[in-house]
Amino acid sequence: MRTHPVHEGEFRNGLPFIKIGEGRPLLVLGGLSATHTNPTGFDRRMQLRIDPHR
């Protein structure tokens, strides 16, 4: 599996985002949650395993 640079940040309205690689944007909306944070732990590892170039 290839690795891509991972960058974190926030949109102007405060919603967090994770940017992986380069190219056209792909927006993934996670499940509903009371907290608006980037995933951590196991959830983060699984989300970062997605490779759209496979």
PDB file of N, CA and C in Angstrom:
ATOM      1  N   MET A   1       0.844  -1.170   0.000  1.00  0.00           N
ATOM      2  CA  MET A   1       0.000   0.000   0.000  1.00  0.00           C
ATOM      3  C   MET A   1       0.894   1.238   0.000  1.00  0.00           C
ATOM      4  N   ARG A   2       0.558   2.197  -0.843  1.00  0.00           N
ATOM      5  CA  ARG A   2       1.297   3.458  -0.878  1.00  0.00           C
ATOM      6  C   ARG A   2       0.876   4.338   0.291  1.00  0.00           C
ATOM      7  N   THR A   3       1.798   5.166   0.744  1.00  0.00           N
ATOM      8  CA  THR A   3       1.449   6.128   1.785  1.00  0.00           C
ATOM      9  C   THR A   3       1.385   7.515   1.167  1.00  0.00           C
ATOM     10  N   HIS A   4       0.460   8.295   1.627  1.00  0.00           N
ATOM     11  CA  HIS A   4       0.256   9.665   1.155  1.00  0.00           C
ATOM     12  C   HIS A   4       0.425  10.609   2.335  1.00  0.00           C
ATOM     13  N   PRO A   5       0.910  11.828   2.079  1.00  0.00           N
ATOM     14  CA  PRO A   5       0.988  12.799   3.176  1.00  0.00           C
ATOM     15  C   PRO A   5      -0.398  13.088   3.742  1.00  0.00           C
ATOM     16  N   VAL A   6      -0.482  13.206   5.049  1.00  0.00           N
ATOM     17  CA  VAL A   6      -1.748  13.492   5.729  1.00  0.00           C
ATOM     18  C   VAL A   6      -1.638  14.868   6.379  1.00  0.00           C
ATOM     19  N   HIS A   7      -2.602  15.737   6.067  1.00  0.00           N
ATOM     20  CA  HIS A   7      -2.648  17.082   6.645  1.00  0.00           C
ATOM     21  C   HIS A   7      -3.995  17.268   7.330  1.00  0.00           C
ATOM     22  N   GLU A   8      -3.977  17.879   8.504  1.00  0.00           N
ATOM     23  CA  GLU A   8      -5.215  18.165   9.230  1.00  0.00           C
ATOM     24  C   GLU A   8      -5.416  19.668   9.315  1.00  0.00           C
ATOM     25  N   GLY A   9      -6.673  20.070   9.401  1.00  0.00           N
ATOM     26  CA  GLY A   9      -6.977  21.490   9.538  1.00  0.00           C
ATOM     27  C   GLY A   9      -8.445  21.687   9.842  1.00  0.00           C
ATOM     28  N   GLU A  10      -8.875  22.934   9.752  1.00  0.00           N
ATOM     29  CA  GLU A  10     -10.284  23.282   9.967  1.00  0.00           C
ATOM     30  C   GLU A  10     -10.753  24.204   8.867  1.00  0.00           C
ATOM     31  N   PHE A  11     -11.992  24.007   8.439  1.00  0.00           N
ATOM     32  CA  PHE A  11     -12.620  24.936   7.511  1.00  0.00           C
ATOM     33  C   PHE A  11     -12.919  26.231   8.259  1.00  0.00           C
ATOM     34  N   ARG A  12     -13.285  27.262   7.539  1.00  0.00           N
ATOM     35  CA  ARG A  12     -13.586  28.555   8.181  1.00  0.00           C
ATOM     36  C   ARG A  12     -14.700  28.470   9.207  1.00  0.00           C
ATOM     37  N   ASN A  13     -15.630  27.519   9.023  1.00  0.00           N
ATOM     38  CA  ASN A  13     -16.741  27.391   9.970  1.00  0.00           C
ATOM     39  C   ASN A  13     -16.393  26.505  11.168  1.00  0.00           C
ATOM     40  N   GLY A  14     -15.138  26.039  11.251  1.00  0.00           N
ATOM     41  CA  GLY A  14     -14.701  25.267  12.409  1.00  0.00           C
ATOM     42  C   GLY A  14     -14.751  23.764  12.257  1.00  0.00           C
ATOM     43  N   LEU A  15     -15.309  23.248  11.170  1.00  0.00           N
ATOM     44  CA  LEU A  15     -15.351  21.801  10.983  1.00  0.00           C
ATOM     45  C   LEU A  15     -13.969  21.283  10.607  1.00  0.00           C
ATOM     46  N   PRO A  16     -13.522  20.214  11.264  1.00  0.00           N
ATOM     47  CA  PRO A  16     -12.195  19.686  10.983  1.00  0.00           C
ATOM     48  C   PRO A  16     -12.174  18.898   9.676  1.00  0.00           C
ATOM     49  N   PHE A  17     -10.979  18.804   9.074  1.00  0.00           N
ATOM     50  CA  PHE A  17     -10.820  17.978   7.887  1.00  0.00           C
ATOM     51  C   PHE A  17      -9.468  17.279   7.930  1.00  0.00           C
ATOM     52  N   ILE A  18      -9.372  16.189   7.170  1.00  0.00           N
ATOM     53  CA  ILE A  18      -8.116  15.487   6.955  1.00  0.00           C
ATOM     54  C   ILE A  18      -7.907  15.451   5.445  1.00  0.00           C
ATOM     55  N   LYS A  19      -6.772  15.911   4.992  1.00  0.00           N
ATOM     56  CA  LYS A  19      -6.442  15.911   3.565  1.00  0.00           C
ATOM     57  C   LYS A  19      -5.382  14.838   3.330  1.00  0.00           C
ATOM     58  N   ILE A  20      -5.659  13.955   2.368  1.00  0.00           N
ATOM     59  CA  ILE A  20      -4.749  12.862   2.063  1.00  0.00           C
ATOM     60  C   ILE A  20      -4.376  12.942   0.596  1.00  0.00           C
ATOM     61  N   GLY A  21      -3.103  13.055   0.286  1.00  0.00           N
ATOM     62  CA  GLY A  21      -2.641  13.051  -1.093  1.00  0.00           C
ATOM     63  C   GLY A  21      -2.989  14.315  -1.844  1.00  0.00           C
ATOM     64  N   GLU A  22      -3.057  14.170  -3.167  1.00  0.00           N
ATOM     65  CA  GLU A  22      -3.332  15.297  -4.049  1.00  0.00           C
ATOM     66  C   GLU A  22      -4.414  14.907  -5.050  1.00  0.00           C
ATOM     67  N   GLY A  23      -4.868  15.881  -5.813  1.00  0.00           N
ATOM     68  CA  GLY A  23      -5.865  15.593  -6.841  1.00  0.00           C
ATOM     69  C   GLY A  23      -7.212  16.198  -6.510  1.00  0.00           C
ATOM     70  N   ARG A  24      -8.218  15.739  -7.248  1.00  0.00           N
ATOM     71  CA  ARG A  24      -9.570  16.259  -7.052  1.00  0.00           C
ATOM     72  C   ARG A  24     -10.069  15.935  -5.653  1.00  0.00           C
ATOM     73  N   PRO A  25     -10.799  16.872  -5.024  1.00  0.00           N
ATOM     74  CA  PRO A  25     -11.287  16.628  -3.665  1.00  0.00           C
ATOM     75  C   PRO A  25     -12.381  15.562  -3.631  1.00  0.00           C
ATOM     76  N   LEU A  26     -12.372  14.799  -2.565  1.00  0.00           N
ATOM     77  CA  LEU A  26     -13.414  13.820  -2.287  1.00  0.00           C
ATOM     78  C   LEU A  26     -13.842  14.062  -0.855  1.00  0.00           C
ATOM     79  N   LEU A  27     -15.097  14.360  -0.656  1.00  0.00           N
ATOM     80  CA  LEU A  27     -15.621  14.652   0.671  1.00  0.00           C
ATOM     81  C   LEU A  27     -16.297  13.413   1.224  1.00  0.00           C
ATOM     82  N   VAL A  28     -15.854  12.988   2.393  1.00  0.00           N
ATOM     83  CA  VAL A  28     -16.459  11.848   3.071  1.00  0.00           C
ATOM     84  C   VAL A  28     -17.089  12.366   4.346  1.00  0.00           C
ATOM     85  N   LEU A  29     -18.393  12.213   4.458  1.00  0.00           N
ATOM     86  CA  LEU A  29     -19.104  12.662   5.664  1.00  0.00           C
ATOM     87  C   LEU A  29     -19.256  11.481   6.608  1.00  0.00           C
ATOM     88  N   GLY A  30     -18.682  11.618   7.788  1.00  0.00           N
ATOM     89  CA  GLY A  30     -18.758  10.544   8.771  1.00  0.00           C
ATOM     90  C   GLY A  30     -20.134  10.451   9.398  1.00  0.00           C
ATOM     91  N   GLY A  31     -20.277   9.495  10.286  1.00  0.00           N
ATOM     92  CA  GLY A  31     -21.544   9.313  10.985  1.00  0.00           C
ATOM     93  C   GLY A  31     -21.862  10.489  11.893  1.00  0.00           C
ATOM     94  N   LEU A  32     -23.088  10.539  12.323  1.00  0.00           N
ATOM     95  CA  LEU A  32     -23.509  11.612  13.223  1.00  0.00           C
ATOM     96  C   LEU A  32     -22.863  11.414  14.579  1.00  0.00           C
ATOM     97  N   SER A  33     -22.390  12.493  15.142  1.00  0.00           N
ATOM     98  CA  SER A  33     -21.711  12.435  16.429  1.00  0.00           C
ATOM     99  C   SER A  33     -21.914  13.758  17.160  1.00  0.00           C
ATOM    100  N   ALA A  34     -21.834  13.708  18.461  1.00  0.00           N
ATOM    101  CA  ALA A  34     -21.961  14.937  19.252  1.00  0.00           C
ATOM    102  C   ALA A  34     -20.671  15.751  19.224  1.00  0.00           C
ATOM    103  N   THR A  35     -19.563  15.125  18.848  1.00  0.00           N
ATOM    104  CA  THR A  35     -18.280  15.831  18.781  1.00  0.00           C
ATOM    105  C   THR A  35     -17.868  16.006  17.326  1.00  0.00           C
ATOM    106  N   HIS A  36     -17.348  17.157  17.019  1.00  0.00           N
ATOM    107  CA  HIS A  36     -16.892  17.448  15.663  1.00  0.00           C
ATOM    108  C   HIS A  36     -15.366  17.476  15.665  1.00  0.00           C
ATOM    109  N   THR A  37     -14.779  16.282  15.649  1.00  0.00           N
ATOM    110  CA  THR A  37     -13.330  16.155  15.656  1.00  0.00           C
ATOM    111  C   THR A  37     -12.910  15.126  14.614  1.00  0.00           C
ATOM    112  N   ASN A  38     -11.645  15.159  14.246  1.00  0.00           N
ATOM    113  CA  ASN A  38     -11.128  14.136  13.351  1.00  0.00           C
ATOM    114  C   ASN A  38     -11.066  12.807  14.095  1.00  0.00           C
ATOM    115  N   PRO A  39     -11.184  11.700  13.381  1.00  0.00           N
ATOM    116  CA  PRO A  39     -11.146  10.400  14.038  1.00  0.00           C
ATOM    117  C   PRO A  39      -9.789  10.139  14.685  1.00  0.00           C
ATOM    118  N   THR A  40      -9.795   9.302  15.703  1.00  0.00           N
ATOM    119  CA  THR A  40      -8.560   8.922  16.390  1.00  0.00           C
ATOM    120  C   THR A  40      -8.529   7.412  16.555  1.00  0.00           C
ATOM    121  N   GLY A  41      -7.383   6.895  16.932  1.00  0.00           N
ATOM    122  CA  GLY A  41      -7.249   5.476  17.246  1.00  0.00           C
ATOM    123  C   GLY A  41      -7.588   4.566  16.080  1.00  0.00           C
ATOM    124  N   PHE A  42      -8.343   3.503  16.388  1.00  0.00           N
ATOM    125  CA  PHE A  42      -8.698   2.486  15.395  1.00  0.00           C
ATOM    126  C   PHE A  42      -9.487   3.086  14.237  1.00  0.00           C
ATOM    127  N   ASP A  43     -10.439   3.959  14.548  1.00  0.00           N
ATOM    128  CA  ASP A  43     -11.264   4.582  13.503  1.00  0.00           C
ATOM    129  C   ASP A  43     -10.394   5.357  12.517  1.00  0.00           C
ATOM    130  N   ARG A  44      -9.419   6.088  13.015  1.00  0.00           N
ATOM    131  CA  ARG A  44      -8.521   6.865  12.142  1.00  0.00           C
ATOM    132  C   ARG A  44      -7.686   5.934  11.258  1.00  0.00           C
ATOM    133  N   ARG A  45      -7.135   4.873  11.855  1.00  0.00           N
ATOM    134  CA  ARG A  45      -6.333   3.942  11.056  1.00  0.00           C
ATOM    135  C   ARG A  45      -7.148   3.332   9.924  1.00  0.00           C
ATOM    136  N   MET A  46      -8.377   2.970  10.199  1.00  0.00           N
ATOM    137  CA  MET A  46      -9.216   2.361   9.164  1.00  0.00           C
ATOM    138  C   MET A  46      -9.572   3.373   8.073  1.00  0.00           C
ATOM    139  N   GLN A  47      -9.852   4.616   8.431  1.00  0.00           N
ATOM    140  CA  GLN A  47     -10.196   5.620   7.435  1.00  0.00           C
ATOM    141  C   GLN A  47      -8.997   5.989   6.568  1.00  0.00           C
ATOM    142  N   LEU A  48      -7.805   5.987   7.136  1.00  0.00           N
ATOM    143  CA  LEU A  48      -6.620   6.332   6.367  1.00  0.00           C
ATOM    144  C   LEU A  48      -6.142   5.196   5.480  1.00  0.00           C
ATOM    145  N   ARG A  49      -6.704   3.987   5.648  1.00  0.00           N
ATOM    146  CA  ARG A  49      -6.342   2.858   4.786  1.00  0.00           C
ATOM    147  C   ARG A  49      -6.989   2.945   3.425  1.00  0.00           C
ATOM    148  N   ILE A  50      -7.968   3.811   3.248  1.00  0.00           N
ATOM    149  CA  ILE A  50      -8.653   3.961   1.959  1.00  0.00           C
ATOM    150  C   ILE A  50      -7.662   4.432   0.913  1.00  0.00           C
ATOM    151  N   ASP A  51      -7.553   3.699  -0.198  1.00  0.00           N
ATOM    152  CA  ASP A  51      -6.646   4.081  -1.279  1.00  0.00           C
ATOM    153  C   ASP A  51      -7.486   4.222  -2.549  1.00  0.00           C
ATOM    154  N   PRO A  52      -7.857   5.439  -2.932  1.00  0.00           N
ATOM    155  CA  PRO A  52      -8.726   5.628  -4.102  1.00  0.00           C
ATOM    156  C   PRO A  52      -8.050   5.286  -5.418  1.00  0.00           C
ATOM    157  N   HIS A  53      -6.740   5.023  -5.408  1.00  0.00           N
ATOM    158  CA  HIS A  53      -6.013   4.732  -6.647  1.00  0.00           C
ATOM    159  C   HIS A  53      -5.862   3.242  -6.902  1.00  0.00           C
ATOM    160  N   ARG A  54      -6.549   2.392  -6.170  1.00  0.00           N
ATOM    161  CA  ARG A  54      -6.466   0.936  -6.362  1.00  0.00           C
ATOM    162  C   ARG A  54      -7.386   0.481  -7.442  1.00  0.00           C
TER     163      ARG A  54
END
